Amino acid sequence: MSIYNYLVQKPNGDILSMETYRNKIMLITNTASQCQFTYQYEDMQKLYEKYSPQGFEILAFPCDQFGNQNPEDGVTTSNQCKLQYGVAYSVFDKVQVNGNQTHALFNYLKHEVDCPQFEQQTMQQKMLYNRIQEHYPDYLIGRNIRWNFTKFLVDQNGKVIQRFEPDASMLDVEKAIESLL
């Protein structure tokens, strides 16, 4: 199976083949409108503006599985991203990224790269770990997505290269993108 075999849904209900992104570098992420990491919408927009002319795409998928931090539907979330954060990259319909109703694309992504060890060095990392441990301990097991704004970097050939946890430095994400250009 290839990443290009999957279908995704836009907030308006239109279905899009991942084939659309063949020969593009992609950063695919689950997002939320009311998360402590929501500021990353703006950070990702800066990356998009800088690298999209070179074949870079960002695909954002709102998800409400972590603390009900995206209660809005996909249309509302997409509009909010454009108005509040200036997002010009693609925001898709809401998905689930863990459990029985995991979207097929995210199931694929999770199984293509290893899940990094959960760091607990900074206060933010400790707080995030404690919240997950308290409310979603199963998400700490295996290849589950642990929280909103987990990012997967995919190269021009459709190979999943790296997984970034929500607290990963955007400078590290940018360096990984640059290494593929």
N, C-alpha and C. Protein backbone atom coordinates (compact mmCIF):
# COMPACT_ATOMS: atom_id res chain seq x y z
N MET A 1 0.85 -1.18 0.00
CA MET A 1 0.00 0.00 0.00
C MET A 1 0.89 1.25 0.00
N SER A 2 0.44 2.27 -0.65
CA SER A 2 1.17 3.53 -0.75
C SER A 2 0.29 4.65 -0.20
N ILE A 3 0.91 5.71 0.22
CA ILE A 3 0.14 6.86 0.72
C ILE A 3 -0.80 7.39 -0.36
N TYR A 4 -0.44 7.17 -1.62
CA TYR A 4 -1.25 7.68 -2.72
C TYR A 4 -2.53 6.87 -2.95
N ASN A 5 -2.70 5.77 -2.23
CA ASN A 5 -3.91 4.95 -2.36
C ASN A 5 -5.05 5.44 -1.47
N TYR A 6 -4.81 6.43 -0.64
CA TYR A 6 -5.82 6.86 0.33
C TYR A 6 -6.63 8.04 -0.19
N LEU A 7 -7.84 8.13 0.33
CA LEU A 7 -8.75 9.22 0.02
C LEU A 7 -8.96 10.04 1.28
N VAL A 8 -9.11 11.34 1.11
CA VAL A 8 -9.38 12.24 2.23
C VAL A 8 -10.58 13.11 1.87
N GLN A 9 -11.22 13.64 2.88
CA GLN A 9 -12.43 14.42 2.64
C GLN A 9 -12.22 15.88 3.04
N LYS A 10 -12.59 16.75 2.14
CA LYS A 10 -12.56 18.18 2.42
C LYS A 10 -13.75 18.53 3.32
N PRO A 11 -13.71 19.65 4.00
CA PRO A 11 -14.82 20.03 4.87
C PRO A 11 -16.17 20.14 4.14
N ASN A 12 -16.14 20.45 2.85
CA ASN A 12 -17.39 20.58 2.09
C ASN A 12 -17.94 19.23 1.62
N GLY A 13 -17.24 18.14 1.96
CA GLY A 13 -17.69 16.80 1.59
C GLY A 13 -17.02 16.23 0.36
N ASP A 14 -16.32 17.06 -0.42
CA ASP A 14 -15.62 16.55 -1.60
C ASP A 14 -14.52 15.57 -1.18
N ILE A 15 -14.36 14.52 -1.97
CA ILE A 15 -13.34 13.51 -1.71
C ILE A 15 -12.13 13.81 -2.61
N LEU A 16 -10.96 13.71 -2.03
CA LEU A 16 -9.72 14.01 -2.74
C LEU A 16 -8.78 12.81 -2.59
N SER A 17 -8.16 12.41 -3.67
CA SER A 17 -7.17 11.34 -3.64
C SER A 17 -5.83 11.92 -3.19
N MET A 18 -5.12 11.16 -2.39
CA MET A 18 -3.78 11.58 -1.99
C MET A 18 -2.84 11.61 -3.19
N GLU A 19 -3.27 10.99 -4.28
CA GLU A 19 -2.52 11.05 -5.54
C GLU A 19 -2.28 12.51 -5.95
N THR A 20 -3.16 13.40 -5.53
CA THR A 20 -3.05 14.83 -5.80
C THR A 20 -1.68 15.36 -5.35
N TYR A 21 -1.10 14.73 -4.34
CA TYR A 21 0.13 15.23 -3.74
C TYR A 21 1.38 14.45 -4.18
N ARG A 22 1.23 13.65 -5.23
CA ARG A 22 2.39 12.91 -5.74
C ARG A 22 3.48 13.91 -6.13
N ASN A 23 4.70 13.56 -5.85
CA ASN A 23 5.89 14.39 -6.12
C ASN A 23 5.98 15.63 -5.24
N LYS A 24 5.20 15.69 -4.19
CA LYS A 24 5.24 16.80 -3.24
C LYS A 24 5.79 16.29 -1.91
N ILE A 25 6.45 17.17 -1.18
CA ILE A 25 6.81 16.90 0.20
C ILE A 25 5.60 17.32 1.04
N MET A 26 5.20 16.45 1.96
CA MET A 26 4.00 16.73 2.76
C MET A 26 4.32 16.70 4.25
N LEU A 27 3.69 17.60 4.97
CA LEU A 27 3.65 17.55 6.42
C LEU A 27 2.18 17.34 6.77
N ILE A 28 1.86 16.18 7.31
CA ILE A 28 0.48 15.80 7.61
C ILE A 28 0.31 15.81 9.12
N THR A 29 -0.71 16.50 9.61
CA THR A 29 -0.88 16.66 11.05
C THR A 29 -2.33 16.61 11.47
N ASN A 30 -2.56 16.10 12.67
CA ASN A 30 -3.88 16.21 13.28
C ASN A 30 -3.86 17.48 14.13
N THR A 31 -4.91 18.27 14.01
CA THR A 31 -4.93 19.58 14.65
C THR A 31 -6.16 19.74 15.55
N ALA A 32 -6.19 20.83 16.27
CA ALA A 32 -7.35 21.16 17.11
C ALA A 32 -7.41 22.67 17.29
N SER A 33 -8.62 23.17 17.35
CA SER A 33 -8.83 24.62 17.40
C SER A 33 -8.66 25.22 18.79
N GLN A 34 -8.67 24.38 19.84
CA GLN A 34 -8.63 24.90 21.21
C GLN A 34 -7.57 24.17 22.04
N CYS A 35 -6.43 23.95 21.45
CA CYS A 35 -5.35 23.19 22.07
C CYS A 35 -4.21 24.12 22.48
N GLN A 36 -3.42 23.68 23.44
CA GLN A 36 -2.25 24.47 23.83
C GLN A 36 -1.25 24.62 22.70
N PHE A 37 -1.36 23.78 21.68
CA PHE A 37 -0.45 23.82 20.54
C PHE A 37 -1.06 24.53 19.32
N THR A 38 -2.21 25.15 19.48
CA THR A 38 -2.90 25.79 18.36
C THR A 38 -2.05 26.88 17.71
N TYR A 39 -1.14 27.46 18.46
CA TYR A 39 -0.23 28.47 17.88
C TYR A 39 0.55 27.90 16.69
N GLN A 40 0.64 26.57 16.62
CA GLN A 40 1.40 25.96 15.52
C GLN A 40 0.74 26.15 14.16
N TYR A 41 -0.54 26.49 14.14
CA TYR A 41 -1.16 26.84 12.85
C TYR A 41 -0.34 27.94 12.18
N GLU A 42 0.01 28.97 12.95
CA GLU A 42 0.78 30.09 12.40
C GLU A 42 2.20 29.66 12.02
N ASP A 43 2.82 28.84 12.87
CA ASP A 43 4.17 28.37 12.57
C ASP A 43 4.18 27.55 11.28
N MET A 44 3.18 26.70 11.13
CA MET A 44 3.10 25.89 9.91
C MET A 44 2.81 26.76 8.69
N GLN A 45 2.03 27.82 8.87
CA GLN A 45 1.76 28.73 7.75
C GLN A 45 3.06 29.38 7.27
N LYS A 46 3.92 29.74 8.20
CA LYS A 46 5.22 30.32 7.81
C LYS A 46 6.05 29.32 7.01
N LEU A 47 6.04 28.06 7.44
CA LEU A 47 6.75 27.02 6.68
C LEU A 47 6.14 26.86 5.30
N TYR A 48 4.82 26.88 5.25
CA TYR A 48 4.11 26.73 3.98
C TYR A 48 4.47 27.86 3.02
N GLU A 49 4.45 29.09 3.51
CA GLU A 49 4.78 30.24 2.66
C GLU A 49 6.22 30.15 2.15
N LYS A 50 7.11 29.69 3.00
CA LYS A 50 8.52 29.63 2.65
C LYS A 50 8.83 28.52 1.64
N TYR A 51 8.18 27.34 1.82
CA TYR A 51 8.58 26.18 1.04
C TYR A 51 7.57 25.69 0.00
N SER A 52 6.36 26.21 0.01
CA SER A 52 5.38 25.73 -0.98
C SER A 52 5.82 25.96 -2.42
N PRO A 53 6.54 27.05 -2.73
CA PRO A 53 7.01 27.20 -4.12
C PRO A 53 7.97 26.09 -4.56
N GLN A 54 8.52 25.36 -3.60
CA GLN A 54 9.46 24.28 -3.91
C GLN A 54 8.79 22.90 -3.84
N GLY A 55 7.46 22.88 -3.79
CA GLY A 55 6.75 21.60 -3.80
C GLY A 55 6.41 21.05 -2.43
N PHE A 56 6.21 21.92 -1.46
CA PHE A 56 5.89 21.52 -0.09
C PHE A 56 4.41 21.79 0.20
N GLU A 57 3.75 20.82 0.81
CA GLU A 57 2.33 20.95 1.17
C GLU A 57 2.14 20.60 2.64
N ILE A 58 1.17 21.25 3.26
CA ILE A 58 0.74 20.90 4.61
C ILE A 58 -0.70 20.46 4.53
N LEU A 59 -0.99 19.33 5.16
CA LEU A 59 -2.35 18.79 5.20
C LEU A 59 -2.75 18.68 6.67
N ALA A 60 -3.72 19.48 7.07
CA ALA A 60 -4.17 19.53 8.46
C ALA A 60 -5.53 18.84 8.58
N PHE A 61 -5.63 17.97 9.57
CA PHE A 61 -6.86 17.21 9.80
C PHE A 61 -7.34 17.47 11.23
N PRO A 62 -8.38 18.28 11.39
CA PRO A 62 -8.91 18.52 12.73
C PRO A 62 -9.34 17.20 13.39
N CYS A 63 -9.12 17.15 14.69
CA CYS A 63 -9.43 15.93 15.45
C CYS A 63 -9.94 16.34 16.83
N ASP A 64 -10.98 15.68 17.29
CA ASP A 64 -11.58 16.03 18.59
C ASP A 64 -11.38 14.91 19.61
N GLN A 65 -10.37 14.09 19.43
CA GLN A 65 -10.17 12.94 20.32
C GLN A 65 -9.38 13.26 21.58
N PHE A 66 -8.81 14.43 21.67
CA PHE A 66 -7.95 14.78 22.79
C PHE A 66 -8.54 15.95 23.56
N GLY A 67 -9.25 15.66 24.61
CA GLY A 67 -9.80 16.70 25.47
C GLY A 67 -10.88 17.53 24.82
N ASN A 68 -11.55 16.99 23.82
CA ASN A 68 -12.60 17.72 23.11
C ASN A 68 -12.14 19.12 22.72
N GLN A 69 -10.95 19.18 22.14
CA GLN A 69 -10.36 20.47 21.81
C GLN A 69 -10.65 20.94 20.39
N ASN A 70 -11.52 20.21 19.68
CA ASN A 70 -11.98 20.66 18.37
C ASN A 70 -13.44 20.25 18.20
N PRO A 71 -14.34 20.89 18.99
CA PRO A 71 -15.74 20.49 18.93
C PRO A 71 -16.45 20.94 17.65
N GLU A 72 -15.89 21.91 16.95
CA GLU A 72 -16.52 22.43 15.74
C GLU A 72 -16.44 21.40 14.61
N ASP A 73 -17.32 21.55 13.63
CA ASP A 73 -17.25 20.68 12.45
C ASP A 73 -16.10 21.15 11.55
N GLY A 74 -15.84 20.39 10.51
CA GLY A 74 -14.73 20.68 9.62
C GLY A 74 -14.83 22.02 8.92
N VAL A 75 -16.04 22.39 8.49
CA VAL A 75 -16.23 23.68 7.80
C VAL A 75 -15.89 24.84 8.73
N THR A 76 -16.42 24.79 9.94
CA THR A 76 -16.16 25.86 10.91
C THR A 76 -14.67 25.92 11.24
N THR A 77 -14.06 24.77 11.44
CA THR A 77 -12.62 24.74 11.77
C THR A 77 -11.80 25.31 10.62
N SER A 78 -12.10 24.92 9.41
CA SER A 78 -11.37 25.41 8.24
C SER A 78 -11.49 26.93 8.13
N ASN A 79 -12.69 27.43 8.28
CA ASN A 79 -12.90 28.88 8.21
C ASN A 79 -12.16 29.60 9.33
N GLN A 80 -12.21 29.04 10.52
CA GLN A 80 -11.52 29.63 11.67
C GLN A 80 -10.01 29.68 11.43
N CYS A 81 -9.46 28.63 10.85
CA CYS A 81 -8.02 28.59 10.56
C CYS A 81 -7.63 29.71 9.60
N LYS A 82 -8.47 29.92 8.61
CA LYS A 82 -8.18 30.97 7.62
C LYS A 82 -8.29 32.36 8.25
N LEU A 83 -9.35 32.58 9.01
CA LEU A 83 -9.59 33.91 9.58
C LEU A 83 -8.66 34.25 10.73
N GLN A 84 -8.47 33.32 11.66
CA GLN A 84 -7.69 33.63 12.86
C GLN A 84 -6.19 33.46 12.68
N TYR A 85 -5.79 32.52 11.81
CA TYR A 85 -4.37 32.19 11.72
C TYR A 85 -3.79 32.42 10.33
N GLY A 86 -4.60 32.85 9.38
CA GLY A 86 -4.11 33.11 8.03
C GLY A 86 -3.71 31.87 7.27
N VAL A 87 -4.25 30.73 7.64
CA VAL A 87 -3.88 29.46 7.04
C VAL A 87 -4.29 29.42 5.56
N ALA A 88 -3.32 29.13 4.70
CA ALA A 88 -3.58 28.97 3.27
C ALA A 88 -3.39 27.52 2.83
N TYR A 89 -2.83 26.70 3.69
CA TYR A 89 -2.65 25.28 3.35
C TYR A 89 -3.97 24.54 3.56
N SER A 90 -4.01 23.29 3.15
CA SER A 90 -5.25 22.52 3.15
C SER A 90 -5.65 22.07 4.56
N VAL A 91 -6.90 22.39 4.92
CA VAL A 91 -7.50 21.91 6.16
C VAL A 91 -8.66 21.01 5.74
N PHE A 92 -8.61 19.77 6.17
CA PHE A 92 -9.60 18.78 5.76
C PHE A 92 -10.70 18.62 6.79
N ASP A 93 -11.59 17.67 6.55
CA ASP A 93 -12.67 17.40 7.49
C ASP A 93 -12.12 16.71 8.72
N LYS A 94 -12.89 16.74 9.80
CA LYS A 94 -12.47 16.11 11.05
C LYS A 94 -12.29 14.61 10.86
N VAL A 95 -11.29 14.08 11.57
CA VAL A 95 -11.00 12.65 11.55
C VAL A 95 -10.74 12.15 12.96
N GLN A 96 -10.71 10.85 13.09
CA GLN A 96 -10.20 10.22 14.30
C GLN A 96 -8.86 9.60 13.96
N VAL A 97 -7.93 9.67 14.89
CA VAL A 97 -6.57 9.21 14.63
C VAL A 97 -6.18 8.00 15.48
N ASN A 98 -7.02 7.63 16.42
CA ASN A 98 -6.80 6.45 17.26
C ASN A 98 -8.12 5.70 17.41
N GLY A 99 -8.04 4.45 17.76
CA GLY A 99 -9.24 3.67 18.05
C GLY A 99 -9.84 2.99 16.84
N ASN A 100 -11.04 2.47 17.04
CA ASN A 100 -11.72 1.67 16.01
C ASN A 100 -12.08 2.46 14.76
N GLN A 101 -12.23 3.77 14.88
CA GLN A 101 -12.63 4.57 13.72
C GLN A 101 -11.49 5.45 13.20
N THR A 102 -10.27 4.99 13.43
CA THR A 102 -9.11 5.72 12.92
C THR A 102 -9.21 5.86 11.41
N HIS A 103 -8.99 7.07 10.93
CA HIS A 103 -8.98 7.29 9.49
C HIS A 103 -7.86 6.45 8.88
N ALA A 104 -8.13 5.85 7.73
CA ALA A 104 -7.17 4.95 7.09
C ALA A 104 -5.82 5.61 6.84
N LEU A 105 -5.81 6.89 6.46
CA LEU A 105 -4.54 7.58 6.22
C LEU A 105 -3.70 7.62 7.49
N PHE A 106 -4.33 7.94 8.61
CA PHE A 106 -3.56 8.03 9.86
C PHE A 106 -3.15 6.65 10.36
N ASN A 107 -3.95 5.66 10.10
CA ASN A 107 -3.53 4.30 10.44
C ASN A 107 -2.26 3.94 9.67
N TYR A 108 -2.24 4.29 8.40
CA TYR A 108 -1.07 4.05 7.56
C TYR A 108 0.15 4.82 8.10
N LEU A 109 -0.03 6.12 8.34
CA LEU A 109 1.08 6.95 8.80
C LEU A 109 1.69 6.41 10.10
N LYS A 110 0.82 6.05 11.04
CA LYS A 110 1.29 5.57 12.34
C LYS A 110 2.13 4.31 12.23
N HIS A 111 1.86 3.50 11.23
CA HIS A 111 2.57 2.24 11.10
C HIS A 111 3.78 2.30 10.17
N GLU A 112 4.03 3.45 9.60
CA GLU A 112 5.17 3.59 8.69
C GLU A 112 6.45 4.06 9.38
N VAL A 113 6.31 4.72 10.51
CA VAL A 113 7.49 5.19 11.24
C VAL A 113 7.32 4.87 12.72
N ASP A 114 8.45 4.68 13.38
CA ASP A 114 8.41 4.39 14.80
C ASP A 114 7.95 5.62 15.58
N CYS A 115 7.32 5.33 16.68
CA CYS A 115 6.87 6.38 17.59
C CYS A 115 8.06 6.75 18.48
N PRO A 116 8.43 8.02 18.53
CA PRO A 116 9.57 8.39 19.36
C PRO A 116 9.25 8.20 20.85
N GLN A 117 10.30 8.00 21.62
CA GLN A 117 10.11 7.89 23.07
C GLN A 117 9.55 9.21 23.58
N PHE A 118 8.63 9.12 24.51
CA PHE A 118 8.01 10.32 25.06
C PHE A 118 8.99 10.97 26.03
N GLU A 119 9.46 12.13 25.68
CA GLU A 119 10.39 12.88 26.53
C GLU A 119 9.63 13.56 27.66
N GLN A 120 10.28 13.67 28.81
CA GLN A 120 9.69 14.38 29.94
C GLN A 120 10.74 15.28 30.57
N GLN A 121 11.42 16.04 29.72
CA GLN A 121 12.50 16.88 30.20
C GLN A 121 12.03 18.29 30.52
N THR A 122 11.10 18.82 29.74
CA THR A 122 10.62 20.17 29.99
C THR A 122 9.31 20.12 30.76
N MET A 123 8.94 21.24 31.32
CA MET A 123 7.68 21.33 32.06
C MET A 123 6.50 21.03 31.12
N GLN A 124 6.55 21.54 29.89
CA GLN A 124 5.48 21.29 28.93
C GLN A 124 5.35 19.80 28.64
N GLN A 125 6.48 19.13 28.46
CA GLN A 125 6.46 17.69 28.21
C GLN A 125 5.90 16.92 29.40
N LYS A 126 6.29 17.30 30.61
CA LYS A 126 5.78 16.64 31.81
C LYS A 126 4.28 16.84 31.95
N MET A 127 3.81 18.06 31.70
CA MET A 127 2.37 18.35 31.81
C MET A 127 1.58 17.56 30.77
N LEU A 128 2.09 17.51 29.54
CA LEU A 128 1.41 16.78 28.49
C LEU A 128 1.37 15.29 28.82
N TYR A 129 2.49 14.76 29.26
CA TYR A 129 2.54 13.34 29.62
C TYR A 129 1.53 13.02 30.73
N ASN A 130 1.52 13.85 31.76
CA ASN A 130 0.59 13.63 32.88
C ASN A 130 -0.86 13.69 32.44
N ARG A 131 -1.18 14.60 31.54
CA ARG A 131 -2.56 14.71 31.05
C ARG A 131 -2.94 13.47 30.24
N ILE A 132 -2.05 13.02 29.38
CA ILE A 132 -2.32 11.82 28.59
C ILE A 132 -2.44 10.61 29.53
N GLN A 133 -1.51 10.49 30.46
CA GLN A 133 -1.53 9.37 31.39
C GLN A 133 -2.83 9.32 32.18
N GLU A 134 -3.33 10.48 32.57
CA GLU A 134 -4.56 10.55 33.37
C GLU A 134 -5.81 10.26 32.54
N HIS A 135 -5.88 10.82 31.34
CA HIS A 135 -7.12 10.74 30.56
C HIS A 135 -7.09 9.72 29.42
N TYR A 136 -5.93 9.47 28.83
CA TYR A 136 -5.82 8.60 27.66
C TYR A 136 -4.60 7.68 27.76
N PRO A 137 -4.48 6.89 28.82
CA PRO A 137 -3.26 6.09 28.99
C PRO A 137 -2.98 5.14 27.83
N ASP A 138 -4.02 4.68 27.14
CA ASP A 138 -3.81 3.78 26.00
C ASP A 138 -3.06 4.47 24.86
N TYR A 139 -3.14 5.79 24.80
CA TYR A 139 -2.46 6.52 23.73
C TYR A 139 -0.94 6.54 23.91
N LEU A 140 -0.47 6.15 25.10
CA LEU A 140 0.96 6.09 25.35
C LEU A 140 1.55 4.75 24.92
N ILE A 141 0.69 3.83 24.50
CA ILE A 141 1.11 2.48 24.15
C ILE A 141 1.20 2.35 22.63
N GLY A 142 2.22 1.65 22.18
CA GLY A 142 2.35 1.35 20.75
C GLY A 142 2.57 2.59 19.90
N ARG A 143 1.92 2.59 18.74
CA ARG A 143 2.13 3.66 17.76
C ARG A 143 1.00 4.68 17.75
N ASN A 144 0.19 4.69 18.79
CA ASN A 144 -0.91 5.64 18.86
C ASN A 144 -0.42 7.08 18.75
N ILE A 145 -1.28 7.91 18.25
CA ILE A 145 -1.00 9.34 18.27
C ILE A 145 -1.36 9.82 19.67
N ARG A 146 -0.45 10.54 20.27
CA ARG A 146 -0.59 10.89 21.68
C ARG A 146 -1.38 12.16 21.93
N TRP A 147 -1.35 13.09 20.97
CA TRP A 147 -2.03 14.37 21.19
C TRP A 147 -2.16 15.10 19.86
N ASN A 148 -2.85 16.22 19.91
CA ASN A 148 -3.01 17.08 18.74
C ASN A 148 -1.66 17.61 18.26
N PHE A 149 -1.58 17.87 16.99
CA PHE A 149 -0.40 18.44 16.34
C PHE A 149 0.78 17.45 16.29
N THR A 150 0.47 16.16 16.20
CA THR A 150 1.49 15.18 15.85
C THR A 150 1.66 15.30 14.34
N LYS A 151 2.91 15.37 13.89
CA LYS A 151 3.18 15.64 12.48
C LYS A 151 3.96 14.49 11.84
N PHE A 152 3.60 14.20 10.58
CA PHE A 152 4.30 13.18 9.80
C PHE A 152 4.87 13.85 8.56
N LEU A 153 6.17 13.68 8.34
CA LEU A 153 6.82 14.23 7.17
C LEU A 153 6.94 13.14 6.12
N VAL A 154 6.46 13.44 4.92
CA VAL A 154 6.44 12.50 3.80
C VAL A 154 7.25 13.10 2.66
N ASP A 155 8.14 12.29 2.07
CA ASP A 155 8.98 12.81 0.99
C ASP A 155 8.25 12.82 -0.35
N GLN A 156 8.94 13.28 -1.40
CA GLN A 156 8.37 13.43 -2.74
C GLN A 156 7.94 12.10 -3.34
N ASN A 157 8.47 11.01 -2.83
CA ASN A 157 8.16 9.68 -3.35
C ASN A 157 7.06 8.98 -2.56
N GLY A 158 6.51 9.68 -1.57
CA GLY A 158 5.43 9.11 -0.78
C GLY A 158 5.89 8.31 0.42
N LYS A 159 7.17 8.36 0.72
CA LYS A 159 7.71 7.62 1.87
C LYS A 159 7.58 8.48 3.13
N VAL A 160 7.03 7.87 4.19
CA VAL A 160 6.93 8.56 5.47
C VAL A 160 8.32 8.55 6.09
N ILE A 161 8.87 9.73 6.28
CA ILE A 161 10.25 9.89 6.71
C ILE A 161 10.38 10.00 8.23
N GLN A 162 9.51 10.80 8.84
CA GLN A 162 9.69 11.10 10.26
C GLN A 162 8.37 11.49 10.90
N ARG A 163 8.28 11.20 12.19
CA ARG A 163 7.13 11.60 13.01
C ARG A 163 7.64 12.59 14.05
N PHE A 164 6.90 13.68 14.20
CA PHE A 164 7.23 14.70 15.19
C PHE A 164 6.10 14.77 16.20
N GLU A 165 6.44 14.70 17.46
CA GLU A 165 5.45 14.84 18.52
C GLU A 165 5.02 16.30 18.62
N PRO A 166 3.89 16.58 19.28
CA PRO A 166 3.36 17.95 19.31
C PRO A 166 4.33 19.00 19.84
N ASP A 167 5.18 18.61 20.77
CA ASP A 167 6.10 19.58 21.38
C ASP A 167 7.44 19.68 20.65
N ALA A 168 7.56 19.01 19.52
CA ALA A 168 8.81 19.08 18.76
C ALA A 168 9.07 20.50 18.30
N SER A 169 10.32 20.86 18.27
CA SER A 169 10.71 22.19 17.82
C SER A 169 10.37 22.36 16.34
N MET A 170 9.74 23.47 16.00
CA MET A 170 9.45 23.73 14.60
C MET A 170 10.74 23.96 13.81
N LEU A 171 11.81 24.33 14.49
CA LEU A 171 13.11 24.43 13.81
C LEU A 171 13.59 23.06 13.36
N ASP A 172 13.35 22.03 14.19
CA ASP A 172 13.71 20.67 13.80
C ASP A 172 12.85 20.20 12.63
N VAL A 173 11.57 20.56 12.66
CA VAL A 173 10.67 20.22 11.56
C VAL A 173 11.17 20.89 10.28
N GLU A 174 11.53 22.15 10.38
CA GLU A 174 12.01 22.89 9.21
C GLU A 174 13.30 22.29 8.66
N LYS A 175 14.22 21.91 9.53
CA LYS A 175 15.47 21.29 9.07
C LYS A 175 15.19 20.00 8.32
N ALA A 176 14.24 19.21 8.81
CA ALA A 176 13.87 17.95 8.14
C ALA A 176 13.26 18.22 6.76
N ILE A 177 12.44 19.27 6.67
CA ILE A 177 11.85 19.64 5.38
C ILE A 177 12.95 20.06 4.42
N GLU A 178 13.85 20.91 4.90
CA GLU A 178 14.94 21.40 4.04
C GLU A 178 15.80 20.25 3.51
N SER A 179 15.98 19.22 4.34
CA SER A 179 16.83 18.10 3.92
C SER A 179 16.20 17.34 2.75
N LEU A 180 14.89 17.49 2.53
CA LEU A 180 14.22 16.81 1.43
C LEU A 180 14.13 17.65 0.15
N LEU A 181 14.37 18.93 0.28
CA LEU A 181 14.25 19.83 -0.89
C LEU A 181 15.46 19.76 -1.79
